[in-house]
């Protein structure tokens, strides 16, 4: 068999394997991944993280009183807090406006 024919044979075998791939993919269960992601979301919106966010805002206030605060740094901290605690509302807004 020439190298070119061997290459075509390998390519055909790969395409045949990819054609059977959806049958294998439908058999998977994503419950472990979903459970892990739900646990991460619950932790990021827990009371401990809310307390940490409050301490960060207090630290920003103290830095502002001393005149040592950089506004870009403060904006990134406040933006992160808004995104973490507003994530559910943001996602539900976009999913309901998309119609699904």
C-alpha atoms as a PDB file:
ATOM      1  CA  UNK A   1       0.000   0.000   0.000  1.00  0.00           C
ATOM      2  CA  UNK A   2       1.381   3.374  -0.928  1.00  0.00           C
ATOM      3  CA  UNK A   3       1.711   6.095   1.705  1.00  0.00           C
ATOM      4  CA  UNK A   4      -0.994   8.097  -0.013  1.00  0.00           C
ATOM      5  CA  UNK A   5      -3.498   5.215   0.124  1.00  0.00           C
ATOM      6  CA  UNK A   6      -2.615   4.594   3.761  1.00  0.00           C
ATOM      7  CA  UNK A   7      -3.337   8.251   4.475  1.00  0.00           C
ATOM      8  CA  UNK A   8      -6.734   8.000   2.771  1.00  0.00           C
ATOM      9  CA  UNK A   9      -7.521   4.823   4.699  1.00  0.00           C
ATOM     10  CA  UNK A  10      -6.705   6.516   7.994  1.00  0.00           C
ATOM     11  CA  UNK A  11      -8.790   9.530   7.006  1.00  0.00           C
ATOM     12  CA  UNK A  12     -11.757   7.298   6.136  1.00  0.00           C
ATOM     13  CA  UNK A  13     -11.428   5.474   9.452  1.00  0.00           C
ATOM     14  CA  UNK A  14     -11.362   8.782  11.323  1.00  0.00           C
ATOM     15  CA  UNK A  15     -14.448  10.048   9.487  1.00  0.00           C
ATOM     16  CA  UNK A  16     -16.259   6.786  10.209  1.00  0.00           C
ATOM     17  CA  UNK A  17     -15.390   7.095  13.910  1.00  0.00           C
ATOM     18  CA  UNK A  18     -16.630  10.685  13.957  1.00  0.00           C
ATOM     19  CA  UNK A  19     -19.881   9.609  12.313  1.00  0.00           C
ATOM     20  CA  UNK A  20     -20.534   7.249  15.252  1.00  0.00           C
ATOM     21  CA  UNK A  21     -19.566   9.896  17.824  1.00  0.00           C
ATOM     22  CA  UNK A  22     -23.081  11.371  18.395  1.00  0.00           C
ATOM     23  CA  UNK A  23     -24.362   7.940  19.439  1.00  0.00           C
ATOM     24  CA  UNK A  24     -21.686   7.803  22.145  1.00  0.00           C
ATOM     25  CA  UNK A  25     -22.158  11.414  23.226  1.00  0.00           C
ATOM     26  CA  UNK A  26     -25.891  11.057  23.893  1.00  0.00           C
ATOM     27  CA  UNK A  27     -25.174   8.309  26.413  1.00  0.00           C
ATOM     28  CA  UNK A  28     -23.265  10.637  28.765  1.00  0.00           C
ATOM     29  CA  UNK A  29     -24.676  12.119  31.935  1.00  0.00           C
ATOM     30  CA  UNK A  30     -23.654  15.636  32.961  1.00  0.00           C
ATOM     31  CA  UNK A  31     -25.034  15.431  36.502  1.00  0.00           C
ATOM     32  CA  UNK A  32     -21.568  15.444  38.158  1.00  0.00           C
ATOM     33  CA  UNK A  33     -20.524  18.515  36.206  1.00  0.00           C
ATOM     34  CA  UNK A  34     -23.827  20.249  36.857  1.00  0.00           C
ATOM     35  CA  UNK A  35     -23.600  19.469  40.568  1.00  0.00           C
ATOM     36  CA  UNK A  36     -20.071  20.852  40.775  1.00  0.00           C
ATOM     37  CA  UNK A  37     -21.009  24.062  38.976  1.00  0.00           C
ATOM     38  CA  UNK A  38     -24.058  24.507  41.205  1.00  0.00           C
ATOM     39  CA  UNK A  39     -21.860  24.089  44.284  1.00  0.00           C
ATOM     40  CA  UNK A  40     -19.450  26.744  42.990  1.00  0.00           C
ATOM     41  CA  UNK A  41     -22.337  29.126  42.311  1.00  0.00           C
ATOM     42  CA  UNK A  42     -23.777  28.526  45.783  1.00  0.00           C
ATOM     43  CA  UNK A  43     -20.396  29.221  47.362  1.00  0.00           C
ATOM     44  CA  UNK A  44     -19.854  32.425  45.384  1.00  0.00           C
ATOM     45  CA  UNK A  45     -23.236  33.732  46.538  1.00  0.00           C
ATOM     46  CA  UNK A  46     -22.918  32.555  50.143  1.00  0.00           C
ATOM     47  CA  UNK A  47     -22.854  34.641  53.306  1.00  0.00           C
ATOM     48  CA  UNK A  48     -19.071  34.294  53.571  1.00  0.00           C
ATOM     49  CA  UNK A  49     -18.541  35.898  50.168  1.00  0.00           C
ATOM     50  CA  UNK A  50     -21.100  38.617  50.983  1.00  0.00           C
ATOM     51  CA  UNK A  51     -19.104  39.409  54.113  1.00  0.00           C
ATOM     52  CA  UNK A  52     -15.887  39.520  52.086  1.00  0.00           C
ATOM     53  CA  UNK A  53     -17.542  41.877  49.576  1.00  0.00           C
ATOM     54  CA  UNK A  54     -18.682  44.143  52.418  1.00  0.00           C
ATOM     55  CA  UNK A  55     -15.133  44.241  53.795  1.00  0.00           C
ATOM     56  CA  UNK A  56     -13.834  45.152  50.319  1.00  0.00           C
ATOM     57  CA  UNK A  57     -16.322  48.036  50.068  1.00  0.00           C
ATOM     58  CA  UNK A  58     -15.338  49.211  53.569  1.00  0.00           C
ATOM     59  CA  UNK A  59     -11.665  49.098  52.545  1.00  0.00           C
ATOM     60  CA  UNK A  60     -12.501  51.166  49.457  1.00  0.00           C
ATOM     61  CA  UNK A  61     -14.261  53.704  51.677  1.00  0.00           C
ATOM     62  CA  UNK A  62     -11.244  53.967  53.976  1.00  0.00           C
ATOM     63  CA  UNK A  63      -8.923  54.408  51.006  1.00  0.00           C
ATOM     64  CA  UNK A  64     -11.238  57.086  49.592  1.00  0.00           C
ATOM     65  CA  UNK A  65     -11.217  58.961  52.912  1.00  0.00           C
ATOM     66  CA  UNK A  66      -7.408  58.918  52.908  1.00  0.00           C
ATOM     67  CA  UNK A  67      -7.256  60.015  49.281  1.00  0.00           C
ATOM     68  CA  UNK A  68      -5.312  56.909  48.263  1.00  0.00           C
ATOM     69  CA  UNK A  69      -7.909  55.180  46.106  1.00  0.00           C
ATOM     70  CA  UNK A  70      -7.393  54.628  42.397  1.00  0.00           C
ATOM     71  CA  UNK A  71     -10.747  54.838  40.630  1.00  0.00           C
ATOM     72  CA  UNK A  72      -9.944  52.119  38.095  1.00  0.00           C
ATOM     73  CA  UNK A  73      -9.142  49.715  40.924  1.00  0.00           C
ATOM     74  CA  UNK A  74     -12.311  50.675  42.798  1.00  0.00           C
ATOM     75  CA  UNK A  75     -14.391  50.277  39.638  1.00  0.00           C
ATOM     76  CA  UNK A  76     -13.032  46.808  38.996  1.00  0.00           C
ATOM     77  CA  UNK A  77     -13.792  45.694  42.560  1.00  0.00           C
ATOM     78  CA  UNK A  78     -17.318  47.101  42.505  1.00  0.00           C
ATOM     79  CA  UNK A  79     -17.900  45.704  39.010  1.00  0.00           C
ATOM     80  CA  UNK A  80     -16.812  42.263  40.199  1.00  0.00           C
ATOM     81  CA  UNK A  81     -19.201  42.443  43.142  1.00  0.00           C
ATOM     82  CA  UNK A  82     -22.057  43.450  40.854  1.00  0.00           C
ATOM     83  CA  UNK A  83     -21.305  40.603  38.434  1.00  0.00           C
ATOM     84  CA  UNK A  84     -21.000  37.948  41.148  1.00  0.00           C
ATOM     85  CA  UNK A  85     -24.191  38.822  42.995  1.00  0.00           C
ATOM     86  CA  UNK A  86     -26.172  39.873  39.943  1.00  0.00           C
ATOM     87  CA  UNK A  87     -25.273  36.826  37.866  1.00  0.00           C
ATOM     88  CA  UNK A  88     -28.662  35.119  38.259  1.00  0.00           C
ATOM     89  CA  UNK A  89     -30.558  38.239  37.234  1.00  0.00           C
ATOM     90  CA  UNK A  90     -28.242  38.908  34.277  1.00  0.00           C
ATOM     91  CA  UNK A  91     -28.493  35.345  32.959  1.00  0.00           C
ATOM     92  CA  UNK A  92     -32.265  35.169  33.404  1.00  0.00           C
ATOM     93  CA  UNK A  93     -32.638  38.518  31.605  1.00  0.00           C
ATOM     94  CA  UNK A  94     -30.735  37.286  28.576  1.00  0.00           C
ATOM     95  CA  UNK A  95     -32.351  33.841  28.485  1.00  0.00           C
ATOM     96  CA  UNK A  96     -35.891  35.227  28.731  1.00  0.00           C
ATOM     97  CA  UNK A  97     -35.196  37.902  26.125  1.00  0.00           C
ATOM     98  CA  UNK A  98     -33.808  35.207  23.806  1.00  0.00           C
ATOM     99  CA  UNK A  99     -37.066  33.303  24.124  1.00  0.00           C
ATOM    100  CA  UNK A 100     -35.821  30.085  25.687  1.00  0.00           C
END
